[in-house]
N, C-alpha and C. Protein backbone atom coordinates (compact mmCIF):
# COMPACT_ATOMS: atom_id res chain seq x y z
N MET A 1 92.53 113.11 91.89
CA MET A 1 91.24 112.88 92.53
C MET A 1 90.85 111.45 92.28
N GLY A 2 90.17 110.85 93.25
CA GLY A 2 89.75 109.48 93.04
C GLY A 2 88.59 109.06 93.91
N ASP A 3 87.81 108.16 93.34
CA ASP A 3 86.74 107.50 94.06
C ASP A 3 87.05 106.02 94.03
N TYR A 4 86.95 105.39 95.18
CA TYR A 4 87.34 103.99 95.32
C TYR A 4 86.24 103.23 96.03
N GLU A 5 86.05 101.97 95.63
CA GLU A 5 85.02 101.15 96.25
C GLU A 5 85.50 99.71 96.29
N HIS A 6 85.22 99.05 97.40
CA HIS A 6 85.56 97.63 97.54
C HIS A 6 84.46 96.97 98.37
N THR A 7 84.11 95.73 98.00
CA THR A 7 83.04 94.99 98.67
C THR A 7 83.51 93.61 99.06
N ALA A 8 83.02 93.13 100.20
CA ALA A 8 83.32 91.77 100.65
C ALA A 8 82.08 91.19 101.31
N THR A 9 81.98 89.87 101.26
CA THR A 9 80.90 89.16 101.94
C THR A 9 81.43 88.65 103.27
N VAL A 10 80.64 88.84 104.32
CA VAL A 10 81.04 88.45 105.67
C VAL A 10 79.93 87.58 106.26
N THR A 11 80.33 86.48 106.88
CA THR A 11 79.36 85.58 107.50
C THR A 11 78.99 86.15 108.87
N ALA A 12 77.97 87.01 108.88
CA ALA A 12 77.51 87.65 110.11
C ALA A 12 76.14 88.27 109.86
N ASP A 13 75.35 88.35 110.92
CA ASP A 13 74.07 89.03 110.85
C ASP A 13 74.30 90.51 110.51
N PRO A 14 73.57 91.06 109.54
CA PRO A 14 73.81 92.45 109.13
C PRO A 14 73.69 93.48 110.26
N ASP A 15 72.68 93.34 111.11
CA ASP A 15 72.50 94.31 112.20
C ASP A 15 73.62 94.21 113.23
N GLU A 16 73.98 92.99 113.59
CA GLU A 16 75.07 92.81 114.56
C GLU A 16 76.40 93.29 113.98
N LEU A 17 76.63 93.00 112.71
CA LEU A 17 77.87 93.45 112.06
C LEU A 17 77.93 94.97 112.02
N PHE A 18 76.81 95.61 111.65
CA PHE A 18 76.80 97.07 111.61
C PHE A 18 77.04 97.67 112.99
N ASP A 19 76.42 97.09 114.01
CA ASP A 19 76.65 97.58 115.38
C ASP A 19 78.13 97.55 115.73
N TYR A 20 78.82 96.48 115.39
CA TYR A 20 80.25 96.36 115.67
C TYR A 20 81.04 97.39 114.86
N LEU A 21 80.77 97.46 113.55
CA LEU A 21 81.55 98.34 112.67
C LEU A 21 81.32 99.81 112.95
N SER A 22 80.14 100.18 113.45
CA SER A 22 79.84 101.60 113.66
C SER A 22 80.20 102.09 115.05
N ASP A 23 80.72 101.23 115.90
CA ASP A 23 81.18 101.64 117.23
C ASP A 23 82.57 102.28 117.07
N VAL A 24 82.67 103.56 117.38
CA VAL A 24 83.92 104.30 117.19
C VAL A 24 85.11 103.59 117.83
N HIS A 25 84.91 102.99 118.98
CA HIS A 25 86.02 102.33 119.68
C HIS A 25 86.54 101.12 118.93
N ASN A 26 85.75 100.56 117.99
CA ASN A 26 86.19 99.41 117.21
C ASN A 26 86.90 99.79 115.92
N LEU A 27 86.85 101.05 115.52
CA LEU A 27 87.46 101.46 114.25
C LEU A 27 88.93 101.03 114.13
N PRO A 28 89.76 101.22 115.15
CA PRO A 28 91.16 100.79 115.01
C PRO A 28 91.32 99.28 114.88
N ASP A 29 90.31 98.52 115.27
CA ASP A 29 90.38 97.06 115.14
C ASP A 29 90.39 96.62 113.68
N TYR A 30 89.74 97.38 112.82
CA TYR A 30 89.62 96.90 111.44
C TYR A 30 90.08 97.88 110.36
N PHE A 31 90.18 99.19 110.64
CA PHE A 31 90.73 100.10 109.63
C PHE A 31 92.25 99.97 109.66
N ALA A 32 92.81 99.60 108.54
CA ALA A 32 94.21 99.20 108.45
C ALA A 32 95.20 100.21 109.03
N THR A 33 95.01 101.49 108.82
CA THR A 33 96.00 102.48 109.26
C THR A 33 95.65 103.16 110.57
N MET A 34 94.42 102.97 111.06
CA MET A 34 93.98 103.69 112.26
C MET A 34 94.53 103.04 113.53
N ARG A 35 95.05 103.88 114.42
CA ARG A 35 95.60 103.40 115.68
C ARG A 35 94.72 103.75 116.88
N GLU A 36 94.02 104.90 116.82
CA GLU A 36 93.15 105.35 117.91
C GLU A 36 91.96 106.11 117.32
N ALA A 37 90.81 106.02 118.01
CA ALA A 37 89.63 106.80 117.64
C ALA A 37 88.82 107.04 118.91
N GLU A 38 88.56 108.32 119.19
CA GLU A 38 87.81 108.69 120.40
C GLU A 38 86.79 109.77 120.05
N LEU A 39 85.57 109.59 120.53
CA LEU A 39 84.54 110.62 120.36
C LEU A 39 84.94 111.86 121.14
N THR A 40 84.76 113.04 120.53
CA THR A 40 85.11 114.28 121.21
C THR A 40 83.95 115.25 121.31
N GLY A 41 82.81 114.93 120.67
CA GLY A 41 81.65 115.83 120.76
C GLY A 41 80.82 115.79 119.51
N ALA A 42 79.88 116.73 119.43
CA ALA A 42 79.00 116.83 118.27
C ALA A 42 79.73 117.50 117.11
N SER A 43 79.40 117.07 115.91
CA SER A 43 80.02 117.61 114.71
C SER A 43 79.08 118.56 113.99
N SER A 44 79.61 119.49 113.27
CA SER A 44 78.79 120.40 112.46
C SER A 44 78.17 119.67 111.27
N HIS A 45 78.59 118.43 111.02
CA HIS A 45 78.04 117.63 109.92
C HIS A 45 76.82 116.83 110.37
N GLY A 46 76.37 117.04 111.60
CA GLY A 46 75.19 116.36 112.09
C GLY A 46 75.47 115.07 112.82
N GLY A 47 76.70 114.64 112.87
CA GLY A 47 77.05 113.41 113.57
C GLY A 47 77.93 113.72 114.76
N GLU A 48 78.97 112.96 114.90
CA GLU A 48 79.87 113.12 116.02
C GLU A 48 81.27 113.46 115.53
N GLU A 49 81.98 114.23 116.34
CA GLU A 49 83.37 114.54 116.04
C GLU A 49 84.23 113.45 116.67
N VAL A 50 85.25 113.03 115.93
CA VAL A 50 86.11 111.94 116.37
C VAL A 50 87.57 112.38 116.22
N HIS A 51 88.34 112.18 117.29
CA HIS A 51 89.78 112.41 117.23
C HIS A 51 90.41 111.10 116.79
N VAL A 52 91.22 111.15 115.72
CA VAL A 52 91.83 109.94 115.19
C VAL A 52 93.35 110.06 115.15
N VAL A 53 93.99 108.91 115.33
CA VAL A 53 95.43 108.78 115.20
C VAL A 53 95.66 107.65 114.21
N ALA A 54 96.49 107.90 113.21
CA ALA A 54 96.75 106.89 112.18
C ALA A 54 98.21 106.87 111.79
N GLU A 55 98.62 105.77 111.22
CA GLU A 55 99.95 105.63 110.62
C GLU A 55 99.71 105.45 109.13
N VAL A 56 100.06 106.48 108.35
CA VAL A 56 99.81 106.46 106.91
C VAL A 56 101.15 106.54 106.20
N GLU A 57 101.46 105.47 105.46
CA GLU A 57 102.72 105.39 104.71
C GLU A 57 103.91 105.73 105.60
N GLY A 58 103.91 105.19 106.82
CA GLY A 58 105.02 105.39 107.74
C GLY A 58 105.01 106.70 108.50
N ALA A 59 104.01 107.54 108.25
CA ALA A 59 103.94 108.84 108.93
C ALA A 59 102.82 108.85 109.96
N HIS A 60 103.10 109.43 111.11
CA HIS A 60 102.11 109.57 112.18
C HIS A 60 101.18 110.72 111.81
N ARG A 61 99.88 110.46 111.78
CA ARG A 61 98.88 111.48 111.47
C ARG A 61 97.88 111.53 112.61
N GLU A 62 97.51 112.75 112.98
CA GLU A 62 96.55 112.93 114.07
C GLU A 62 95.65 114.10 113.70
N GLY A 63 94.34 113.96 113.95
CA GLY A 63 93.45 115.06 113.63
C GLY A 63 92.02 114.77 113.99
N GLU A 64 91.15 115.68 113.56
CA GLU A 64 89.74 115.58 113.85
C GLU A 64 89.00 115.14 112.58
N ALA A 65 88.01 114.30 112.77
CA ALA A 65 87.16 113.84 111.68
C ALA A 65 85.72 113.89 112.17
N TRP A 66 84.80 113.66 111.27
CA TRP A 66 83.40 113.57 111.65
C TRP A 66 82.85 112.22 111.20
N MET A 67 81.82 111.77 111.89
CA MET A 67 81.23 110.49 111.57
C MET A 67 79.73 110.54 111.87
N THR A 68 78.93 110.00 110.96
CA THR A 68 77.50 109.86 111.21
C THR A 68 77.12 108.39 111.04
N ARG A 69 76.15 107.97 111.84
CA ARG A 69 75.72 106.58 111.87
C ARG A 69 74.23 106.55 111.56
N ASP A 70 73.83 105.76 110.57
CA ASP A 70 72.42 105.57 110.24
C ASP A 70 72.12 104.08 110.41
N ALA A 71 71.63 103.71 111.60
CA ALA A 71 71.39 102.30 111.91
C ALA A 71 70.29 101.71 111.04
N GLU A 72 69.28 102.49 110.69
CA GLU A 72 68.18 101.98 109.87
C GLU A 72 68.67 101.56 108.49
N ARG A 73 69.56 102.35 107.90
CA ARG A 73 70.11 102.04 106.57
C ARG A 73 71.42 101.26 106.66
N ARG A 74 71.90 101.02 107.91
CA ARG A 74 73.18 100.36 108.17
C ARG A 74 74.31 101.03 107.37
N THR A 75 74.38 102.36 107.52
CA THR A 75 75.39 103.14 106.82
C THR A 75 76.15 104.02 107.79
N LEU A 76 77.45 104.03 107.62
CA LEU A 76 78.35 104.86 108.40
C LEU A 76 79.06 105.79 107.41
N THR A 77 79.01 107.10 107.66
CA THR A 77 79.71 108.05 106.79
C THR A 77 80.71 108.83 107.63
N TRP A 78 81.80 109.26 106.99
CA TRP A 78 82.84 109.99 107.70
C TRP A 78 83.59 110.88 106.74
N GLY A 79 84.39 111.75 107.32
CA GLY A 79 85.24 112.62 106.52
C GLY A 79 86.09 113.48 107.43
N SER A 80 86.95 114.27 106.79
CA SER A 80 87.78 115.20 107.54
C SER A 80 87.99 116.44 106.70
N GLU A 81 88.22 117.53 107.39
CA GLU A 81 88.50 118.79 106.70
C GLU A 81 89.94 118.75 106.19
N GLY A 82 90.22 119.53 105.19
CA GLY A 82 91.58 119.60 104.71
C GLY A 82 91.66 119.55 103.19
N PRO A 83 92.86 119.66 102.66
CA PRO A 83 93.06 119.77 101.22
C PRO A 83 92.77 118.49 100.44
N ASN A 84 92.71 117.33 101.10
CA ASN A 84 92.49 116.08 100.39
C ASN A 84 91.02 115.78 100.09
N GLY A 85 90.09 116.54 100.69
CA GLY A 85 88.67 116.30 100.46
C GLY A 85 88.28 114.88 100.83
N TYR A 86 88.86 114.35 101.90
CA TYR A 86 88.67 112.96 102.29
C TYR A 86 87.30 112.73 102.91
N ARG A 87 86.59 111.73 102.37
CA ARG A 87 85.30 111.32 102.93
C ARG A 87 85.03 109.90 102.45
N GLY A 88 84.13 109.23 103.16
CA GLY A 88 83.80 107.87 102.77
C GLY A 88 82.53 107.38 103.43
N ASP A 89 82.15 106.18 103.05
CA ASP A 89 81.02 105.55 103.71
C ASP A 89 81.20 104.04 103.69
N LEU A 90 80.54 103.42 104.64
CA LEU A 90 80.54 101.98 104.79
C LEU A 90 79.08 101.56 104.89
N ARG A 91 78.69 100.57 104.11
CA ARG A 91 77.31 100.10 104.11
C ARG A 91 77.29 98.59 104.31
N VAL A 92 76.37 98.12 105.17
CA VAL A 92 76.18 96.70 105.41
C VAL A 92 74.80 96.32 104.90
N GLU A 93 74.74 95.31 104.03
CA GLU A 93 73.47 94.85 103.48
C GLU A 93 73.36 93.34 103.64
N PRO A 94 72.14 92.84 103.79
CA PRO A 94 71.96 91.38 103.86
C PRO A 94 72.42 90.73 102.55
N ALA A 95 73.04 89.55 102.68
CA ALA A 95 73.50 88.80 101.50
C ALA A 95 73.48 87.32 101.86
N GLY A 96 72.48 86.61 101.37
CA GLY A 96 72.37 85.19 101.68
C GLY A 96 72.27 84.97 103.18
N ASP A 97 73.16 84.14 103.73
CA ASP A 97 73.18 83.86 105.17
C ASP A 97 74.06 84.84 105.94
N GLY A 98 74.54 85.87 105.27
CA GLY A 98 75.44 86.81 105.94
C GLY A 98 75.19 88.23 105.52
N SER A 99 76.30 88.93 105.28
CA SER A 99 76.24 90.35 104.96
C SER A 99 77.22 90.70 103.85
N GLU A 100 76.90 91.75 103.14
CA GLU A 100 77.82 92.32 102.18
C GLU A 100 78.23 93.68 102.73
N VAL A 101 79.54 93.91 102.83
CA VAL A 101 80.07 95.17 103.33
C VAL A 101 80.73 95.89 102.17
N THR A 102 80.31 97.13 101.94
CA THR A 102 80.90 97.95 100.89
C THR A 102 81.50 99.20 101.53
N VAL A 103 82.76 99.47 101.20
CA VAL A 103 83.43 100.68 101.67
C VAL A 103 83.76 101.52 100.44
N ARG A 104 83.37 102.80 100.51
CA ARG A 104 83.68 103.74 99.42
C ARG A 104 84.45 104.91 100.00
N LEU A 105 85.47 105.36 99.26
CA LEU A 105 86.27 106.50 99.68
C LEU A 105 86.39 107.50 98.54
N HIS A 106 86.49 108.75 98.91
CA HIS A 106 86.79 109.82 97.96
C HIS A 106 87.94 110.63 98.54
N THR A 107 88.90 110.92 97.71
CA THR A 107 90.01 111.77 98.12
C THR A 107 90.55 112.50 96.90
N GLU A 108 91.09 113.69 97.14
CA GLU A 108 91.74 114.44 96.07
C GLU A 108 93.17 113.96 95.87
N ARG A 109 93.64 113.14 96.78
CA ARG A 109 94.99 112.60 96.72
C ARG A 109 95.05 111.51 95.66
N ALA A 110 96.08 111.53 94.85
CA ALA A 110 96.19 110.59 93.74
C ALA A 110 97.15 109.45 94.06
N ASP A 111 96.68 108.48 94.85
CA ASP A 111 97.46 107.28 95.15
C ASP A 111 96.55 106.08 95.02
N GLY A 112 96.07 105.84 93.80
CA GLY A 112 95.12 104.77 93.55
C GLY A 112 95.52 103.41 94.08
N PRO A 113 96.70 102.90 93.72
CA PRO A 113 97.08 101.56 94.19
C PRO A 113 97.16 101.46 95.71
N GLY A 114 97.68 102.47 96.37
CA GLY A 114 97.79 102.44 97.83
C GLY A 114 96.43 102.50 98.50
N ILE A 115 95.53 103.30 97.97
CA ILE A 115 94.19 103.41 98.54
C ILE A 115 93.42 102.12 98.32
N ARG A 116 93.50 101.56 97.12
CA ARG A 116 92.83 100.28 96.86
C ARG A 116 93.35 99.18 97.78
N ALA A 117 94.66 99.13 97.96
CA ALA A 117 95.25 98.13 98.86
C ALA A 117 94.77 98.33 100.29
N GLY A 118 94.64 99.57 100.73
CA GLY A 118 94.15 99.86 102.07
C GLY A 118 92.71 99.40 102.25
N LEU A 119 91.87 99.62 101.24
CA LEU A 119 90.48 99.16 101.30
C LEU A 119 90.42 97.63 101.39
N GLU A 120 91.24 96.97 100.59
CA GLU A 120 91.27 95.50 100.62
C GLU A 120 91.73 95.00 101.99
N ARG A 121 92.76 95.63 102.57
CA ARG A 121 93.23 95.24 103.91
C ARG A 121 92.15 95.46 104.95
N THR A 122 91.42 96.57 104.84
CA THR A 122 90.35 96.86 105.79
C THR A 122 89.26 95.79 105.72
N LEU A 123 88.81 95.44 104.54
CA LEU A 123 87.76 94.43 104.43
C LEU A 123 88.25 93.04 104.83
N THR A 124 89.50 92.72 104.54
CA THR A 124 90.08 91.46 105.01
C THR A 124 90.10 91.44 106.53
N SER A 125 90.46 92.56 107.13
CA SER A 125 90.50 92.67 108.58
C SER A 125 89.11 92.49 109.18
N ILE A 126 88.08 93.07 108.56
CA ILE A 126 86.71 92.91 109.03
C ILE A 126 86.34 91.43 109.02
N LYS A 127 86.61 90.75 107.92
CA LYS A 127 86.29 89.32 107.82
C LYS A 127 87.00 88.53 108.91
N GLU A 128 88.29 88.81 109.13
CA GLU A 128 89.05 88.07 110.13
C GLU A 128 88.55 88.35 111.55
N LYS A 129 88.20 89.59 111.84
CA LYS A 129 87.71 89.94 113.19
C LYS A 129 86.37 89.27 113.47
N VAL A 130 85.53 89.16 112.44
CA VAL A 130 84.19 88.63 112.63
C VAL A 130 84.13 87.11 112.46
N GLU A 131 84.84 86.60 111.44
CA GLU A 131 84.76 85.18 111.12
C GLU A 131 85.92 84.38 111.71
N GLY A 132 87.00 85.05 112.09
CA GLY A 132 88.20 84.36 112.54
C GLY A 132 89.18 84.27 111.37
N PRO A 133 90.47 84.06 111.67
CA PRO A 133 91.47 84.00 110.61
C PRO A 133 91.27 82.79 109.69
N VAL A 134 91.64 82.97 108.45
CA VAL A 134 91.56 81.90 107.47
C VAL A 134 92.72 80.94 107.76
N VAL A 135 92.42 79.66 107.85
CA VAL A 135 93.44 78.65 108.10
C VAL A 135 93.71 77.92 106.81
N ASP A 136 94.98 77.89 106.41
CA ASP A 136 95.38 77.20 105.19
C ASP A 136 95.51 75.72 105.50
N GLY A 137 94.69 74.90 104.84
CA GLY A 137 94.69 73.47 105.11
C GLY A 137 95.70 72.69 104.32
N SER A 138 96.57 73.34 103.55
CA SER A 138 97.53 72.59 102.73
C SER A 138 98.78 72.25 103.47
């Protein structure tokens, strides 16, 4: 079992950044393993049901998840049914001239290093999508 959290600062308006990050169609743009995400209807969790396709450790995964969006708190929560107890949230908060993005995950699966690396890749991807790629000046 594990709880994981990673935070990054992004040069973007918090409301605009949250609007981008909470749009289901943008999820594959920045979640490292996600390939497709489509709304399929209302969820019993009070949000929306989402059909997702992902590549996880070289394996094709497809299934249903749920997602709720709280624009006032700039929080996105999600999860899926199954033995891994997978759920998470993403929060955008003002930070100086930009935003701080925090992603938290919970899973019963014990792959700490892989999950931490995935969170880091996701936040790096968010920064690159919003700010543009980092150019090495050396």
